[in-house]
Amino acid sequence: MRKGVLMPAVFFTFYDSKGLSIPETSALEHELGRKLLSLGLGKLYGITLQADHLEQLLLKDAAGKPSLPDHPEIHFNITHCPGLAACAFHDTPIGIDAELPDYFAEVLIGRALTPSEKEFLEMHSSSPALRDEWFYRFWTLKEAYVKMTGSGVDTDLKAFSFSFNEGDHNERLTVTCSDPEVICFQKQLWSGHIISTCIRNDRPCFTELYHIVL
């Protein structure tokens, strides 16, 4: 057990929503997020809080970002997407987003990507599948950044940008943010899901991933 988080940590789990209604899926995602938060608090910080009691202890800010008032030194963030739920932890503000690449509305490119990001996307769109993948690589980073800052849904997604190391197309990419005080991490899991984190930090750090079976 670690006393605190020297490096960012992500706990994630897969789930099957087959046969579930939309409300049932949402309830399952919420439950899994709280379970991952509870597990992370125990394993990383030695704090025992049952998942069903966490709701009473969480405080949400104006943008809906939750925190633990009794433990201001702990920063965490939760995300979920079809088939996956994840919770990220660190000792500085952190945001996480995950997606399973699929069709996306082309209008989102103009709303979310800067000119340099759009140019990169077009250069790496040799197939529809690759275009979807690269868009969601950018999109998850944008969402993770917004969740890190807690700035909310009205944030101008083109006010900051991300770049990838040329020729770096493998399971883990080196990502740079235009904000010099932000460290980024991105990994595509064996399931195809893309997980991205943004951390308010000016020193290099590696994000540890923990696959949890619930």
Protein backbone atom coordinates (compact mmCIF):
# COMPACT_ATOMS: atom_id res chain seq x y z
CA MET A 1 0.00 0.00 0.00
CA ARG A 2 1.30 3.44 -0.94
CA LYS A 3 0.92 6.40 1.37
CA GLY A 4 -0.09 8.97 -1.20
CA VAL A 5 0.43 9.11 -4.94
CA LEU A 6 3.91 9.98 -6.18
CA MET A 7 2.82 9.22 -9.74
CA PRO A 8 -0.68 9.60 -11.21
CA ALA A 9 -2.68 6.38 -10.94
CA VAL A 10 -5.71 5.19 -12.90
CA PHE A 11 -8.00 2.39 -11.75
CA PHE A 12 -10.23 1.08 -14.55
CA THR A 13 -12.72 -1.71 -15.11
CA PHE A 14 -14.73 -3.09 -18.00
CA TYR A 15 -18.47 -3.72 -17.91
CA ASP A 16 -21.15 -5.26 -20.14
CA SER A 17 -24.33 -3.24 -20.65
CA LYS A 18 -26.02 -5.84 -22.86
CA GLY A 19 -29.71 -6.00 -22.04
CA LEU A 20 -29.63 -2.86 -19.88
CA SER A 21 -31.72 0.24 -20.50
CA ILE A 22 -30.08 3.66 -20.74
CA PRO A 23 -31.03 4.56 -17.13
CA GLU A 24 -29.77 1.16 -15.92
CA THR A 25 -26.48 1.65 -17.77
CA SER A 26 -26.06 5.13 -16.27
CA ALA A 27 -26.71 3.74 -12.79
CA LEU A 28 -24.17 0.96 -13.34
CA GLU A 29 -21.52 3.44 -14.55
CA HIS A 30 -22.14 5.63 -11.51
CA GLU A 31 -21.83 2.63 -9.19
CA LEU A 32 -18.61 1.44 -10.82
CA GLY A 33 -17.08 4.92 -10.59
CA ARG A 34 -17.76 5.06 -6.86
CA LYS A 35 -16.37 1.54 -6.35
CA LEU A 36 -13.16 2.46 -8.18
CA LEU A 37 -12.86 5.62 -6.09
CA SER A 38 -13.33 3.61 -2.90
CA LEU A 39 -10.74 1.02 -3.98
CA GLY A 40 -8.22 3.68 -4.96
CA LEU A 41 -8.59 5.54 -1.69
CA GLY A 42 -7.92 2.32 0.18
CA LYS A 43 -5.00 1.02 -1.87
CA LEU A 44 -3.22 4.33 -2.49
CA TYR A 45 -3.95 6.30 0.68
CA GLY A 46 -5.02 3.73 3.27
CA ILE A 47 -8.41 5.43 3.60
CA THR A 48 -11.35 3.07 4.13
CA LEU A 49 -14.59 4.50 2.77
CA GLN A 50 -17.34 2.23 1.49
CA ALA A 51 -18.63 3.08 -1.97
CA ASP A 52 -22.22 3.49 -0.77
CA HIS A 53 -21.10 6.05 1.86
CA LEU A 54 -18.98 8.14 -0.50
CA GLU A 55 -21.96 10.00 -1.95
CA GLN A 56 -22.59 11.66 1.41
CA LEU A 57 -18.96 12.80 1.68
CA LEU A 58 -18.44 14.18 -1.82
CA LEU A 59 -18.76 17.89 -2.53
CA LYS A 60 -19.34 19.15 -6.08
CA ASP A 61 -18.24 22.57 -7.28
CA ALA A 62 -20.21 24.84 -9.63
CA ALA A 63 -19.02 22.84 -12.66
CA GLY A 64 -20.02 19.54 -11.05
CA LYS A 65 -16.49 18.35 -10.26
CA PRO A 66 -16.50 16.23 -7.08
CA SER A 67 -13.97 16.43 -4.26
CA LEU A 68 -13.47 15.12 -0.74
CA PRO A 69 -13.53 18.14 1.64
CA ASP A 70 -12.05 16.03 4.46
CA HIS A 71 -9.07 15.13 2.25
CA PRO A 72 -8.13 18.22 0.21
CA GLU A 73 -4.72 16.71 -0.54
CA ILE A 74 -6.35 14.00 -2.68
CA HIS A 75 -7.26 14.89 -6.24
CA PHE A 76 -9.33 12.46 -8.27
CA ASN A 77 -11.53 12.35 -11.34
CA ILE A 78 -13.96 9.78 -12.73
CA THR A 79 -14.95 8.95 -16.30
CA HIS A 80 -17.01 6.33 -18.08
CA CYS A 81 -17.86 5.44 -21.65
CA PRO A 82 -19.41 2.40 -23.34
CA GLY A 83 -17.87 -0.66 -21.70
CA LEU A 84 -15.42 1.14 -19.40
CA ALA A 85 -15.28 3.08 -16.13
CA ALA A 86 -12.13 4.67 -14.70
CA CYS A 87 -10.96 6.80 -11.78
CA ALA A 88 -7.70 8.79 -11.73
CA PHE A 89 -5.75 9.90 -8.63
CA HIS A 90 -2.87 12.30 -7.97
CA ASP A 91 -1.58 14.87 -5.49
CA THR A 92 -2.29 17.73 -7.92
CA PRO A 93 -5.40 18.49 -10.02
CA ILE A 94 -6.07 15.72 -12.53
CA GLY A 95 -8.65 15.10 -15.24
CA ILE A 96 -9.42 11.88 -17.08
CA ASP A 97 -11.52 10.98 -20.09
CA ALA A 98 -12.01 7.73 -21.99
CA GLU A 99 -13.76 6.82 -25.23
CA LEU A 100 -14.15 3.85 -27.54
CA PRO A 101 -13.48 5.27 -31.04
CA ASP A 102 -16.59 5.26 -33.20
CA TYR A 103 -18.43 7.50 -35.63
CA PHE A 104 -18.39 11.19 -34.68
CA ALA A 105 -20.14 14.26 -36.09
CA GLU A 106 -17.73 16.14 -38.37
CA VAL A 107 -18.99 19.45 -36.95
CA LEU A 108 -17.09 18.61 -33.75
CA ILE A 109 -13.78 19.06 -35.57
CA GLY A 110 -14.43 22.76 -36.11
CA ARG A 111 -15.68 23.21 -32.56
CA ALA A 112 -12.89 21.38 -30.77
CA LEU A 113 -9.68 21.34 -32.79
CA THR A 114 -7.19 24.14 -33.48
CA PRO A 115 -5.81 24.61 -37.02
CA SER A 116 -2.66 22.63 -36.18
CA GLU A 117 -4.71 19.81 -34.67
CA LYS A 118 -7.00 19.71 -37.70
CA GLU A 119 -3.98 19.58 -40.00
CA PHE A 120 -2.56 16.65 -38.03
CA LEU A 121 -5.92 14.85 -38.14
CA GLU A 122 -6.18 15.23 -41.92
CA MET A 123 -2.62 13.97 -42.40
CA HIS A 124 -3.39 10.84 -40.36
CA SER A 125 -6.80 9.97 -41.81
CA SER A 126 -5.76 7.35 -44.34
CA SER A 127 -8.81 5.27 -43.40
CA PRO A 128 -12.16 5.98 -41.67
CA ALA A 129 -11.06 3.91 -38.67
CA LEU A 130 -7.84 5.89 -38.26
CA ARG A 131 -9.73 9.16 -38.62
CA ASP A 132 -12.09 8.13 -35.83
CA GLU A 133 -9.18 7.02 -33.65
CA TRP A 134 -7.16 10.23 -34.05
CA PHE A 135 -10.20 12.42 -33.48
CA TYR A 136 -10.92 10.65 -30.21
CA ARG A 137 -7.27 10.90 -29.19
CA PHE A 138 -7.65 14.67 -29.39
CA TRP A 139 -11.18 14.69 -27.97
CA THR A 140 -10.30 12.71 -24.83
CA LEU A 141 -7.35 15.02 -24.16
CA LYS A 142 -9.59 18.08 -24.52
CA GLU A 143 -12.14 16.59 -22.13
CA ALA A 144 -9.46 15.56 -19.64
CA TYR A 145 -8.03 19.11 -19.66
CA VAL A 146 -11.45 20.66 -19.02
CA LYS A 147 -12.11 18.19 -16.19
CA MET A 148 -8.70 18.94 -14.69
CA THR A 149 -9.38 22.68 -14.62
CA GLY A 150 -13.03 22.28 -13.62
CA SER A 151 -13.90 25.03 -16.10
CA GLY A 152 -17.10 23.36 -17.28
CA VAL A 153 -18.90 22.70 -20.55
CA ASP A 154 -18.65 26.28 -21.82
CA THR A 155 -14.85 26.09 -22.11
CA ASP A 156 -13.39 27.10 -25.48
CA LEU A 157 -11.78 23.84 -26.58
CA LYS A 158 -9.61 25.69 -29.10
CA ALA A 159 -7.99 27.85 -26.40
CA PHE A 160 -5.45 25.07 -25.78
CA SER A 161 -3.96 22.39 -27.99
CA PHE A 162 -2.13 19.08 -28.02
CA SER A 163 0.56 17.61 -30.24
CA PHE A 164 1.89 14.09 -30.70
CA ASN A 165 5.45 13.05 -31.38
CA GLU A 166 5.80 12.33 -35.09
CA GLY A 167 6.05 8.64 -35.90
CA ASP A 168 4.80 7.73 -32.44
CA HIS A 169 1.76 5.58 -33.22
CA ASN A 170 1.76 2.71 -30.78
CA GLU A 171 -0.09 1.77 -27.63
CA ARG A 172 1.36 4.69 -25.66
CA LEU A 173 1.92 8.12 -27.23
CA THR A 174 4.00 11.04 -26.05
CA VAL A 175 1.67 14.04 -25.87
CA THR A 176 2.52 17.70 -25.36
CA CYS A 177 0.05 20.37 -24.22
CA SER A 178 0.25 24.04 -25.15
CA ASP A 179 -0.19 24.77 -21.44
CA PRO A 180 3.38 24.35 -20.09
CA GLU A 181 2.12 23.49 -16.61
CA VAL A 182 0.19 20.44 -17.80
CA ILE A 183 1.53 16.91 -18.22
CA CYS A 184 -0.47 14.58 -20.48
CA PHE A 185 -0.73 10.82 -20.72
CA GLN A 186 -2.59 8.69 -23.23
CA LYS A 187 -2.92 4.96 -23.78
CA GLN A 188 -5.08 2.80 -26.01
CA LEU A 189 -6.13 -0.36 -24.20
CA TRP A 190 -6.32 -3.83 -25.76
CA SER A 191 -10.11 -3.30 -25.87
CA GLY A 192 -9.66 -0.31 -28.18
CA HIS A 193 -10.64 2.23 -25.50
CA ILE A 194 -8.50 5.37 -25.36
CA ILE A 195 -7.69 6.74 -21.89
CA SER A 196 -6.26 10.26 -21.54
CA THR A 197 -5.20 12.17 -18.44
CA CYS A 198 -4.13 15.77 -17.88
CA ILE A 199 -2.27 16.68 -14.70
CA ARG A 200 -1.47 20.12 -13.31
CA ASN A 201 2.23 19.51 -12.91
CA ASP A 202 5.47 20.96 -14.29
CA ARG A 203 7.58 17.85 -13.70
CA PRO A 204 7.56 14.73 -15.89
CA CYS A 205 5.55 11.85 -14.49
CA PHE A 206 4.29 8.49 -15.67
CA THR A 207 0.70 7.37 -15.14
CA GLU A 208 0.24 3.92 -13.61
CA LEU A 209 -2.74 1.86 -14.83
CA TYR A 210 -4.50 -0.75 -12.71
CA HIS A 211 -7.05 -3.08 -14.29
CA ILE A 212 -9.66 -3.92 -11.66
CA VAL A 213 -12.17 -6.76 -12.04
CA LEU A 214 -15.42 -5.89 -10.25
